[in-house]
PDB file of all heavy atoms in Angstrom:
ATOM      1  N   ASP A   1      22.144   3.720   2.133  1.00  0.00           N
ATOM      2  CA  ASP A   1      22.182   3.703   3.592  1.00  0.00           C
ATOM      3  C   ASP A   1      20.807   4.051   4.169  1.00  0.00           C
ATOM      4  O   ASP A   1      20.325   3.392   5.095  1.00  0.00           O
ATOM      5  CB  ASP A   1      23.247   4.680   4.093  1.00  0.00           C
ATOM      6  CG  ASP A   1      23.406   4.644   5.603  1.00  0.00           C
ATOM      7  OD1 ASP A   1      23.513   3.531   6.158  1.00  0.00           O
ATOM      8  OD2 ASP A   1      23.426   5.723   6.230  1.00  0.00           O
ATOM      9  N   LEU A   2      20.171   5.085   3.627  1.00  0.00           N
ATOM     10  CA  LEU A   2      18.830   5.455   4.088  1.00  0.00           C
ATOM     11  C   LEU A   2      17.816   4.342   3.823  1.00  0.00           C
ATOM     12  O   LEU A   2      16.955   4.076   4.655  1.00  0.00           O
ATOM     13  CB  LEU A   2      18.363   6.741   3.414  1.00  0.00           C
ATOM     14  CG  LEU A   2      18.950   8.034   3.938  1.00  0.00           C
ATOM     15  CD1 LEU A   2      18.511   9.208   3.081  1.00  0.00           C
ATOM     16  CD2 LEU A   2      18.543   8.253   5.391  1.00  0.00           C
ATOM     17  N   ALA A   3      17.932   3.715   2.675  1.00  0.00           N
ATOM     18  CA  ALA A   3      17.021   2.613   2.347  1.00  0.00           C
ATOM     19  C   ALA A   3      17.157   1.484   3.365  1.00  0.00           C
ATOM     20  O   ALA A   3      16.169   0.894   3.798  1.00  0.00           O
ATOM     21  CB  ALA A   3      17.297   2.106   0.929  1.00  0.00           C
ATOM     22  N   GLU A   4      18.389   1.223   3.769  1.00  0.00           N
ATOM     23  CA  GLU A   4      18.635   0.168   4.757  1.00  0.00           C
ATOM     24  C   GLU A   4      18.115   0.572   6.140  1.00  0.00           C
ATOM     25  O   GLU A   4      17.444  -0.208   6.812  1.00  0.00           O
ATOM     26  CB  GLU A   4      20.130  -0.131   4.826  1.00  0.00           C
ATOM     27  CG  GLU A   4      20.473  -1.314   5.706  1.00  0.00           C
ATOM     28  CD  GLU A   4      21.967  -1.592   5.702  1.00  0.00           C
ATOM     29  OE1 GLU A   4      22.584  -1.566   4.620  1.00  0.00           O
ATOM     30  OE2 GLU A   4      22.508  -1.825   6.797  1.00  0.00           O
ATOM     31  N   LYS A   5      18.411   1.805   6.566  1.00  0.00           N
ATOM     32  CA  LYS A   5      17.976   2.276   7.889  1.00  0.00           C
ATOM     33  C   LYS A   5      16.459   2.313   8.027  1.00  0.00           C
ATOM     34  O   LYS A   5      15.925   2.024   9.087  1.00  0.00           O
ATOM     35  CB  LYS A   5      18.521   3.680   8.166  1.00  0.00           C
ATOM     36  CG  LYS A   5      19.965   3.743   8.523  1.00  0.00           C
ATOM     37  CD  LYS A   5      20.375   5.181   8.785  1.00  0.00           C
ATOM     38  CE  LYS A   5      21.840   5.296   9.109  1.00  0.00           C
ATOM     39  NZ  LYS A   5      22.242   6.705   9.284  1.00  0.00           N
ATOM     40  N   THR A   6      15.789   2.713   6.957  1.00  0.00           N
ATOM     41  CA  THR A   6      14.340   2.895   7.018  1.00  0.00           C
ATOM     42  C   THR A   6      13.560   1.666   6.566  1.00  0.00           C
ATOM     43  O   THR A   6      12.349   1.613   6.728  1.00  0.00           O
ATOM     44  CB  THR A   6      13.900   4.078   6.136  1.00  0.00           C
ATOM     45  OG1 THR A   6      14.223   3.788   4.774  1.00  0.00           O
ATOM     46  CG2 THR A   6      14.548   5.374   6.574  1.00  0.00           C
ATOM     47  N   SER A   7      14.239   0.695   5.980  1.00  0.00           N
ATOM     48  CA  SER A   7      13.600  -0.486   5.381  1.00  0.00           C
ATOM     49  C   SER A   7      12.677  -0.097   4.222  1.00  0.00           C
ATOM     50  O   SER A   7      11.734  -0.808   3.902  1.00  0.00           O
ATOM     51  CB  SER A   7      12.826  -1.297   6.423  1.00  0.00           C
ATOM     52  OG  SER A   7      13.687  -1.773   7.419  1.00  0.00           O
ATOM     53  N   ILE A   8      12.950   1.047   3.614  1.00  0.00           N
ATOM     54  CA  ILE A   8      12.200   1.484   2.430  1.00  0.00           C
ATOM     55  C   ILE A   8      13.151   1.336   1.244  1.00  0.00           C
ATOM     56  O   ILE A   8      13.900   2.249   0.908  1.00  0.00           O
ATOM     57  CB  ILE A   8      11.706   2.943   2.566  1.00  0.00           C
ATOM     58  CG1 ILE A   8      10.882   3.121   3.839  1.00  0.00           C
ATOM     59  CG2 ILE A   8      10.892   3.344   1.333  1.00  0.00           C
ATOM     60  CD1 ILE A   8      10.509   4.564   4.138  1.00  0.00           C
ATOM     61  N   LYS A   9      13.146   0.144   0.655  1.00  0.00           N
ATOM     62  CA  LYS A   9      14.131  -0.170  -0.382  1.00  0.00           C
ATOM     63  C   LYS A   9      14.060   0.778  -1.578  1.00  0.00           C
ATOM     64  O   LYS A   9      15.051   1.022  -2.247  1.00  0.00           O
ATOM     65  CB  LYS A   9      13.999  -1.620  -0.820  1.00  0.00           C
ATOM     66  CG  LYS A   9      12.714  -1.968  -1.522  1.00  0.00           C
ATOM     67  CD  LYS A   9      12.668  -3.438  -1.884  1.00  0.00           C
ATOM     68  CE  LYS A   9      11.499  -3.867  -2.701  1.00  0.00           C
ATOM     69  NZ  LYS A   9      10.185  -3.543  -2.337  1.00  0.00           N
ATOM     70  N   GLU A  10      12.892   1.362  -1.809  1.00  0.00           N
ATOM     71  CA  GLU A  10      12.731   2.267  -2.940  1.00  0.00           C
ATOM     72  C   GLU A  10      13.552   3.547  -2.809  1.00  0.00           C
ATOM     73  O   GLU A  10      13.824   4.209  -3.807  1.00  0.00           O
ATOM     74  CB  GLU A  10      11.245   2.627  -3.125  1.00  0.00           C
ATOM     75  CG  GLU A  10      10.374   1.461  -3.564  1.00  0.00           C
ATOM     76  CD  GLU A  10       9.859   0.629  -2.380  1.00  0.00           C
ATOM     77  OE1 GLU A  10      10.243   0.903  -1.221  1.00  0.00           O
ATOM     78  OE2 GLU A  10       9.085  -0.301  -2.617  1.00  0.00           O
ATOM     79  N   LEU A  11      13.963   3.902  -1.599  1.00  0.00           N
ATOM     80  CA  LEU A  11      14.796   5.099  -1.432  1.00  0.00           C
ATOM     81  C   LEU A  11      16.109   4.966  -2.196  1.00  0.00           C
ATOM     82  O   LEU A  11      16.661   5.961  -2.665  1.00  0.00           O
ATOM     83  CB  LEU A  11      15.086   5.370   0.048  1.00  0.00           C
ATOM     84  CG  LEU A  11      13.958   5.988   0.855  1.00  0.00           C
ATOM     85  CD1 LEU A  11      14.363   6.112   2.320  1.00  0.00           C
ATOM     86  CD2 LEU A  11      13.583   7.347   0.307  1.00  0.00           C
ATOM     87  N   ALA A  12      16.589   3.758  -2.322  1.00  0.00           N
ATOM     88  CA  ALA A  12      17.849   3.530  -3.031  1.00  0.00           C
ATOM     89  C   ALA A  12      17.706   3.795  -4.528  1.00  0.00           C
ATOM     90  O   ALA A  12      18.702   3.941  -5.232  1.00  0.00           O
ATOM     91  CB  ALA A  12      18.343   2.107  -2.796  1.00  0.00           C
ATOM     92  N   THR A  13      16.469   3.903  -5.005  1.00  0.00           N
ATOM     93  CA  THR A  13      16.248   4.091  -6.447  1.00  0.00           C
ATOM     94  C   THR A  13      15.876   5.526  -6.810  1.00  0.00           C
ATOM     95  O   THR A  13      15.553   5.805  -7.959  1.00  0.00           O
ATOM     96  CB  THR A  13      15.129   3.157  -6.950  1.00  0.00           C
ATOM     97  OG1 THR A  13      13.891   3.542  -6.339  1.00  0.00           O
ATOM     98  CG2 THR A  13      15.436   1.710  -6.635  1.00  0.00           C
ATOM     99  N   ILE A  14      15.922   6.448  -5.832  1.00  0.00           N
ATOM    100  CA  ILE A  14      15.603   7.844  -6.137  1.00  0.00           C
ATOM    101  C   ILE A  14      16.593   8.363  -7.170  1.00  0.00           C
ATOM    102  O   ILE A  14      17.794   8.171  -7.045  1.00  0.00           O
ATOM    103  CB  ILE A  14      15.657   8.725  -4.869  1.00  0.00           C
ATOM    104  CG1 ILE A  14      14.486   8.391  -3.947  1.00  0.00           C
ATOM    105  CG2 ILE A  14      15.637  10.210  -5.235  1.00  0.00           C
ATOM    106  CD1 ILE A  14      14.488   9.182  -2.650  1.00  0.00           C
ATOM    107  N   LYS A  15      16.061   8.994  -8.184  1.00  0.00           N
ATOM    108  CA  LYS A  15      16.904   9.557  -9.235  1.00  0.00           C
ATOM    109  C   LYS A  15      17.271  10.981  -8.864  1.00  0.00           C
ATOM    110  O   LYS A  15      16.416  11.809  -8.625  1.00  0.00           O
ATOM    111  CB  LYS A  15      16.152   9.552 -10.567  1.00  0.00           C
ATOM    112  CG  LYS A  15      15.660   8.190 -11.001  1.00  0.00           C
ATOM    113  CD  LYS A  15      16.622   7.580 -11.961  1.00  0.00           C
ATOM    114  CE  LYS A  15      16.113   6.306 -12.574  1.00  0.00           C
ATOM    115  NZ  LYS A  15      16.232   5.129 -11.759  1.00  0.00           N
ATOM    116  N   GLN A  16      18.543  11.276  -8.837  1.00  0.00           N
ATOM    117  CA  GLN A  16      19.005  12.618  -8.481  1.00  0.00           C
ATOM    118  C   GLN A  16      18.691  13.644  -9.558  1.00  0.00           C
ATOM    119  O   GLN A  16      18.740  14.835  -9.313  1.00  0.00           O
ATOM    120  CB  GLN A  16      20.508  12.602  -8.188  1.00  0.00           C
ATOM    121  CG  GLN A  16      20.856  11.828  -6.938  1.00  0.00           C
ATOM    122  CD  GLN A  16      20.169  12.392  -5.693  1.00  0.00           C
ATOM    123  OE1 GLN A  16      20.130  13.589  -5.487  1.00  0.00           O
ATOM    124  NE2 GLN A  16      19.628  11.520  -4.872  1.00  0.00           N
ATOM    125  N   ASP A  17      18.328  13.172 -10.753  1.00  0.00           N
ATOM    126  CA  ASP A  17      17.988  14.113 -11.822  1.00  0.00           C
ATOM    127  C   ASP A  17      16.522  14.528 -11.754  1.00  0.00           C
ATOM    128  O   ASP A  17      16.012  15.181 -12.656  1.00  0.00           O
ATOM    129  CB  ASP A  17      18.308  13.502 -13.186  1.00  0.00           C
ATOM    130  CG  ASP A  17      17.477  12.254 -13.477  1.00  0.00           C
ATOM    131  OD1 ASP A  17      16.673  11.837 -12.619  1.00  0.00           O
ATOM    132  OD2 ASP A  17      17.634  11.693 -14.573  1.00  0.00           O
ATOM    133  N   GLY A  18      15.853  14.144 -10.689  1.00  0.00           N
ATOM    134  CA  GLY A  18      14.461  14.540 -10.515  1.00  0.00           C
ATOM    135  C   GLY A  18      13.472  13.599 -11.163  1.00  0.00           C
ATOM    136  O   GLY A  18      12.323  13.969 -11.387  1.00  0.00           O
ATOM    137  N   GLY A  19      13.882  12.399 -11.450  1.00  0.00           N
ATOM    138  CA  GLY A  19      12.963  11.425 -12.024  1.00  0.00           C
ATOM    139  C   GLY A  19      11.800  11.159 -11.086  1.00  0.00           C
ATOM    140  O   GLY A  19      11.832  11.517  -9.912  1.00  0.00           O
ATOM    141  N   PRO A  20      10.740  10.535 -11.588  1.00  0.00           N
ATOM    142  CA  PRO A  20       9.542  10.313 -10.771  1.00  0.00           C
ATOM    143  C   PRO A  20       9.789   9.355  -9.598  1.00  0.00           C
ATOM    144  O   PRO A  20      10.551   8.404  -9.713  1.00  0.00           O
ATOM    145  CB  PRO A  20       8.528   9.725 -11.760  1.00  0.00           C
ATOM    146  CG  PRO A  20       9.352   9.171 -12.871  1.00  0.00           C
ATOM    147  CD  PRO A  20      10.616   9.985 -12.927  1.00  0.00           C
ATOM    148  N   PHE A  21       9.155   9.666  -8.493  1.00  0.00           N
ATOM    149  CA  PHE A  21       9.215   8.798  -7.318  1.00  0.00           C
ATOM    150  C   PHE A  21       7.863   8.887  -6.623  1.00  0.00           C
ATOM    151  O   PHE A  21       7.417   9.993  -6.280  1.00  0.00           O
ATOM    152  CB  PHE A  21      10.315   9.248  -6.355  1.00  0.00           C
ATOM    153  CG  PHE A  21      10.471   8.323  -5.174  1.00  0.00           C
ATOM    154  CD1 PHE A  21      11.226   7.169  -5.290  1.00  0.00           C
ATOM    155  CD2 PHE A  21       9.845   8.588  -3.973  1.00  0.00           C
ATOM    156  CE1 PHE A  21      11.361   6.304  -4.221  1.00  0.00           C
ATOM    157  CE2 PHE A  21       9.972   7.727  -2.896  1.00  0.00           C
ATOM    158  CZ  PHE A  21      10.739   6.579  -3.028  1.00  0.00           C
ATOM    159  N   PRO A  22       7.191   7.761  -6.442  1.00  0.00           N
ATOM    160  CA  PRO A  22       5.856   7.790  -5.829  1.00  0.00           C
ATOM    161  C   PRO A  22       5.913   8.098  -4.323  1.00  0.00           C
ATOM    162  O   PRO A  22       6.406   7.299  -3.529  1.00  0.00           O
ATOM    163  CB  PRO A  22       5.306   6.388  -6.089  1.00  0.00           C
ATOM    164  CG  PRO A  22       6.470   5.546  -6.449  1.00  0.00           C
ATOM    165  CD  PRO A  22       7.591   6.445  -6.862  1.00  0.00           C
ATOM    166  N   LEU A  23       5.429   9.277  -3.951  1.00  0.00           N
ATOM    167  CA  LEU A  23       5.443   9.688  -2.546  1.00  0.00           C
ATOM    168  C   LEU A  23       4.589   8.779  -1.672  1.00  0.00           C
ATOM    169  O   LEU A  23       4.825   8.686  -0.475  1.00  0.00           O
ATOM    170  CB  LEU A  23       4.971  11.132  -2.409  1.00  0.00           C
ATOM    171  CG  LEU A  23       5.878  12.174  -3.032  1.00  0.00           C
ATOM    172  CD1 LEU A  23       5.287  13.559  -2.847  1.00  0.00           C
ATOM    173  CD2 LEU A  23       7.267  12.113  -2.442  1.00  0.00           C
ATOM    174  N   LYS A  24       3.627   8.089  -2.276  1.00  0.00           N
ATOM    175  CA  LYS A  24       2.770   7.181  -1.511  1.00  0.00           C
ATOM    176  C   LYS A  24       3.611   6.135  -0.773  1.00  0.00           C
ATOM    177  O   LYS A  24       3.292   5.742   0.340  1.00  0.00           O
ATOM    178  CB  LYS A  24       1.758   6.507  -2.440  1.00  0.00           C
ATOM    179  CG  LYS A  24       0.766   5.614  -1.705  1.00  0.00           C
ATOM    180  CD  LYS A  24      -0.274   5.078  -2.657  1.00  0.00           C
ATOM    181  CE  LYS A  24      -1.311   4.217  -2.022  1.00  0.00           C
ATOM    182  NZ  LYS A  24      -1.083   3.559  -0.796  1.00  0.00           N
ATOM    183  N   ILE A  25       4.704   5.737  -1.368  1.00  0.00           N
ATOM    184  CA  ILE A  25       5.604   4.766  -0.732  1.00  0.00           C
ATOM    185  C   ILE A  25       6.102   5.321   0.603  1.00  0.00           C
ATOM    186  O   ILE A  25       6.154   4.619   1.606  1.00  0.00           O
ATOM    187  CB  ILE A  25       6.797   4.425  -1.652  1.00  0.00           C
ATOM    188  CG1 ILE A  25       6.317   3.652  -2.872  1.00  0.00           C
ATOM    189  CG2 ILE A  25       7.870   3.650  -0.907  1.00  0.00           C
ATOM    190  CD1 ILE A  25       7.360   3.502  -3.959  1.00  0.00           C
ATOM    191  N   LEU A  26       6.457   6.607   0.606  1.00  0.00           N
ATOM    192  CA  LEU A  26       6.960   7.226   1.828  1.00  0.00           C
ATOM    193  C   LEU A  26       5.862   7.345   2.880  1.00  0.00           C
ATOM    194  O   LEU A  26       6.084   7.077   4.056  1.00  0.00           O
ATOM    195  CB  LEU A  26       7.561   8.596   1.519  1.00  0.00           C
ATOM    196  CG  LEU A  26       8.726   8.584   0.526  1.00  0.00           C
ATOM    197  CD1 LEU A  26       9.192   9.998   0.256  1.00  0.00           C
ATOM    198  CD2 LEU A  26       9.868   7.721   1.029  1.00  0.00           C
ATOM    199  N   PHE A  27       4.666   7.734   2.443  1.00  0.00           N
ATOM    200  CA  PHE A  27       3.537   7.816   3.379  1.00  0.00           C
ATOM    201  C   PHE A  27       3.220   6.441   3.966  1.00  0.00           C
ATOM    202  O   PHE A  27       3.032   6.298   5.170  1.00  0.00           O
ATOM    203  CB  PHE A  27       2.284   8.360   2.690  1.00  0.00           C
ATOM    204  CG  PHE A  27       2.223   9.847   2.602  1.00  0.00           C
ATOM    205  CD1 PHE A  27       2.422  10.481   1.394  1.00  0.00           C
ATOM    206  CD2 PHE A  27       1.962  10.617   3.718  1.00  0.00           C
ATOM    207  CE1 PHE A  27       2.356  11.863   1.295  1.00  0.00           C
ATOM    208  CE2 PHE A  27       1.893  12.006   3.645  1.00  0.00           C
ATOM    209  CZ  PHE A  27       2.091  12.617   2.427  1.00  0.00           C
ATOM    210  N   ASP A  28       3.154   5.438   3.100  1.00  0.00           N
ATOM    211  CA  ASP A  28       2.807   4.080   3.548  1.00  0.00           C
ATOM    212  C   ASP A  28       3.827   3.515   4.528  1.00  0.00           C
ATOM    213  O   ASP A  28       3.499   2.651   5.340  1.00  0.00           O
ATOM    214  CB  ASP A  28       2.670   3.135   2.345  1.00  0.00           C
ATOM    215  CG  ASP A  28       1.447   3.426   1.503  1.00  0.00           C
ATOM    216  OD1 ASP A  28       0.572   4.210   1.953  1.00  0.00           O
ATOM    217  OD2 ASP A  28       1.366   2.898   0.373  1.00  0.00           O
ATOM    218  N   ASN A  29       5.062   4.000   4.450  1.00  0.00           N
ATOM    219  CA  ASN A  29       6.127   3.495   5.325  1.00  0.00           C
ATOM    220  C   ASN A  29       6.453   4.444   6.478  1.00  0.00           C
ATOM    221  O   ASN A  29       7.496   4.322   7.105  1.00  0.00           O
ATOM    222  CB  ASN A  29       7.390   3.218   4.496  1.00  0.00           C
ATOM    223  CG  ASN A  29       7.233   1.990   3.644  1.00  0.00           C
ATOM    224  OD1 ASN A  29       7.354   0.879   4.141  1.00  0.00           O
ATOM    225  ND2 ASN A  29       6.927   2.168   2.375  1.00  0.00           N
ATOM    226  N   ASN A  30       5.537   5.376   6.737  1.00  0.00           N
ATOM    227  CA  ASN A  30       5.698   6.309   7.867  1.00  0.00           C
ATOM    228  C   ASN A  30       7.067   6.979   7.870  1.00  0.00           C
ATOM    229  O   ASN A  30       7.807   6.913   8.843  1.00  0.00           O
ATOM    230  CB  ASN A  30       5.457   5.604   9.196  1.00  0.00           C
ATOM    231  CG  ASN A  30       4.053   5.059   9.293  1.00  0.00           C
ATOM    232  OD1 ASN A  30       3.098   5.727   8.910  1.00  0.00           O
ATOM    233  ND2 ASN A  30       3.913   3.847   9.791  1.00  0.00           N
ATOM    234  N   ILE A  31       7.373   7.654   6.767  1.00  0.00           N
ATOM    235  CA  ILE A  31       8.673   8.300   6.620  1.00  0.00           C
ATOM    236  C   ILE A  31       8.971   9.262   7.762  1.00  0.00           C
ATOM    237  O   ILE A  31      10.128   9.472   8.126  1.00  0.00           O
ATOM    238  CB  ILE A  31       8.797   8.996   5.240  1.00  0.00           C
ATOM    239  CG1 ILE A  31      10.242   9.406   4.952  1.00  0.00           C
ATOM    240  CG2 ILE A  31       7.875  10.190   5.142  1.00  0.00           C
ATOM    241  CD1 ILE A  31      11.196   8.266   4.790  1.00  0.00           C
ATOM    242  N   ASP A  32       7.924   9.836   8.360  1.00  0.00           N
ATOM    243  CA  ASP A  32       8.138  10.781   9.460  1.00  0.00           C
ATOM    244  C   ASP A  32       8.839  10.144  10.648  1.00  0.00           C
ATOM    245  O   ASP A  32       9.510  10.816  11.416  1.00  0.00           O
ATOM    246  CB  ASP A  32       6.815  11.422   9.895  1.00  0.00           C
ATOM    247  CG  ASP A  32       5.735  10.412  10.190  1.00  0.00           C
ATOM    248  OD1 ASP A  32       5.410   9.602   9.292  1.00  0.00           O
ATOM    249  OD2 ASP A  32       5.203  10.421  11.314  1.00  0.00           O
ATOM    250  N   ASP A  33       8.707   8.826  10.792  1.00  0.00           N
ATOM    251  CA  ASP A  33       9.394   8.114  11.879  1.00  0.00           C
ATOM    252  C   ASP A  33      10.914   8.122  11.702  1.00  0.00           C
ATOM    253  O   ASP A  33      11.656   7.848  12.645  1.00  0.00           O
ATOM    254  CB  ASP A  33       8.923   6.657  11.955  1.00  0.00           C
ATOM    255  CG  ASP A  33       7.481   6.522  12.415  1.00  0.00           C
ATOM    256  OD1 ASP A  33       6.932   7.492  12.983  1.00  0.00           O
ATOM    257  OD2 ASP A  33       6.893   5.441  12.201  1.00  0.00           O
ATOM    258  N   PHE A  34      11.370   8.433  10.488  1.00  0.00           N
ATOM    259  CA  PHE A  34      12.798   8.351  10.176  1.00  0.00           C
ATOM    260  C   PHE A  34      13.438   9.717   9.947  1.00  0.00           C
ATOM    261  O   PHE A  34      14.544   9.815   9.419  1.00  0.00           O
ATOM    262  CB  PHE A  34      13.010   7.471   8.940  1.00  0.00           C
ATOM    263  CG  PHE A  34      12.446   6.086   9.112  1.00  0.00           C
ATOM    264  CD1 PHE A  34      11.247   5.737   8.520  1.00  0.00           C
ATOM    265  CD2 PHE A  34      13.102   5.157   9.902  1.00  0.00           C
ATOM    266  CE1 PHE A  34      10.715   4.465   8.693  1.00  0.00           C
ATOM    267  CE2 PHE A  34      12.579   3.889  10.079  1.00  0.00           C
ATOM    268  CZ  PHE A  34      11.387   3.546   9.473  1.00  0.00           C
ATOM    269  N   LYS A  35      12.754  10.781  10.345  1.00  0.00           N
ATOM    270  CA  LYS A  35      13.283  12.138  10.128  1.00  0.00           C
ATOM    271  C   LYS A  35      14.682  12.273  10.730  1.00  0.00           C
ATOM    272  O   LYS A  35      15.577  12.834  10.108  1.00  0.00           O
ATOM    273  CB  LYS A  35      12.342  13.180  10.723  1.00  0.00           C
ATOM    274  CG  LYS A  35      12.815  14.598  10.473  1.00  0.00           C
ATOM    275  CD  LYS A  35      11.888  15.626  11.082  1.00  0.00           C
ATOM    276  CE  LYS A  35      12.457  17.009  10.864  1.00  0.00           C
ATOM    277  NZ  LYS A  35      11.886  17.986  11.763  1.00  0.00           N
ATOM    278  N   GLY A  36      14.887  11.755  11.929  1.00  0.00           N
ATOM    279  CA  GLY A  36      16.190  11.844  12.580  1.00  0.00           C
ATOM    280  C   GLY A  36      17.286  11.162  11.781  1.00  0.00           C
ATOM    281  O   GLY A  36      18.395  11.702  11.643  1.00  0.00           O
ATOM    282  N   ASP A  37      16.997   9.977  11.233  1.00  0.00           N
ATOM    283  CA  ASP A  37      17.983   9.264  10.414  1.00  0.00           C
ATOM    284  C   ASP A  37      18.338  10.063   9.166  1.00  0.00           C
ATOM    285  O   ASP A  37      19.500  10.123   8.765  1.00  0.00           O
ATOM    286  CB  ASP A  37      17.442   7.889   9.993  1.00  0.00           C
ATOM    287  CG  ASP A  37      17.294   6.937  11.164  1.00  0.00           C
ATOM    288  OD1 ASP A  37      18.205   6.902  12.017  1.00  0.00           O
ATOM    289  OD2 ASP A  37      16.273   6.236  11.235  1.00  0.00           O
ATOM    290  N   ILE A  38      17.334  10.681   8.570  1.00  0.00           N
ATOM    291  CA  ILE A  38      17.574  11.465   7.360  1.00  0.00           C
ATOM    292  C   ILE A  38      18.368  12.723   7.699  1.00  0.00           C
ATOM    293  O   ILE A  38      19.309  13.084   6.985  1.00  0.00           O
ATOM    294  CB  ILE A  38      16.247  11.783   6.652  1.00  0.00           C
ATOM    295  CG1 ILE A  38      15.585  10.467   6.203  1.00  0.00           C
ATOM    296  CG2 ILE A  38      16.466  12.705   5.457  1.00  0.00           C
ATOM    297  CD1 ILE A  38      14.165  10.600   5.728  1.00  0.00           C
ATOM    298  N   GLU A  39      18.032  13.365   8.819  1.00  0.00           N
ATOM    299  CA  GLU A  39      18.803  14.537   9.262  1.00  0.00           C
ATOM    300  C   GLU A  39      20.257  14.164   9.513  1.00  0.00           C
ATOM    301  O   GLU A  39      21.168  14.912   9.133  1.00  0.00           O
ATOM    302  CB  GLU A  39      18.196  15.117  10.542  1.00  0.00           C
ATOM    303  CG  GLU A  39      16.908  15.873  10.336  1.00  0.00           C
ATOM    304  CD  GLU A  39      16.252  16.299  11.633  1.00  0.00           C
ATOM    305  OE1 GLU A  39      16.378  15.589  12.661  1.00  0.00           O
ATOM    306  OE2 GLU A  39      15.585  17.348  11.624  1.00  0.00           O
ATOM    307  N   ASP A  40      20.486  13.009  10.129  1.00  0.00           N
ATOM    308  CA  ASP A  40      21.863  12.558  10.384  1.00  0.00           C
ATOM    309  C   ASP A  40      22.621  12.370   9.066  1.00  0.00           C
ATOM    310  O   ASP A  40      23.793  12.735   8.964  1.00  0.00           O
ATOM    311  CB  ASP A  40      21.868  11.239  11.162  1.00  0.00           C
ATOM    312  CG  ASP A  40      21.379  11.395  12.595  1.00  0.00           C
ATOM    313  OD1 ASP A  40      21.269  12.545  13.078  1.00  0.00           O
ATOM    314  OD2 ASP A  40      21.079  10.353  13.225  1.00  0.00           O
ATOM    315  N   THR A  41      21.957  11.802   8.069  1.00  0.00           N
ATOM    316  CA  THR A  41      22.600  11.576   6.778  1.00  0.00           C
ATOM    317  C   THR A  41      22.931  12.902   6.108  1.00  0.00           C
ATOM    318  O   THR A  41      24.004  13.055   5.516  1.00  0.00           O
ATOM    319  CB  THR A  41      21.701  10.704   5.871  1.00  0.00           C
ATOM    320  OG1 THR A  41      21.436   9.467   6.554  1.00  0.00           O
ATOM    321  CG2 THR A  41      22.358  10.414   4.546  1.00  0.00           C
ATOM    322  N   VAL A  42      22.029  13.874   6.191  1.00  0.00           N
ATOM    323  CA  VAL A  42      22.289  15.200   5.631  1.00  0.00           C
ATOM    324  C   VAL A  42      23.493  15.820   6.336  1.00  0.00           C
ATOM    325  O   VAL A  42      24.391  16.374   5.692  1.00  0.00           O
ATOM    326  CB  VAL A  42      21.059  16.121   5.748  1.00  0.00           C
ATOM    327  CG1 VAL A  42      21.412  17.564   5.414  1.00  0.00           C
ATOM    328  CG2 VAL A  42      19.933  15.625   4.841  1.00  0.00           C
TER     329      VAL A  42
END
């Protein structure tokens, strides 16, 4: 759902076991613009 809302398809691939995820993807996609969407999901 977050991947769809933010158009950051890589969010759907985050590993809950703490696997690696390149934060650069979040920076490049202005993740801060989606703080409200993420708060709503939480």
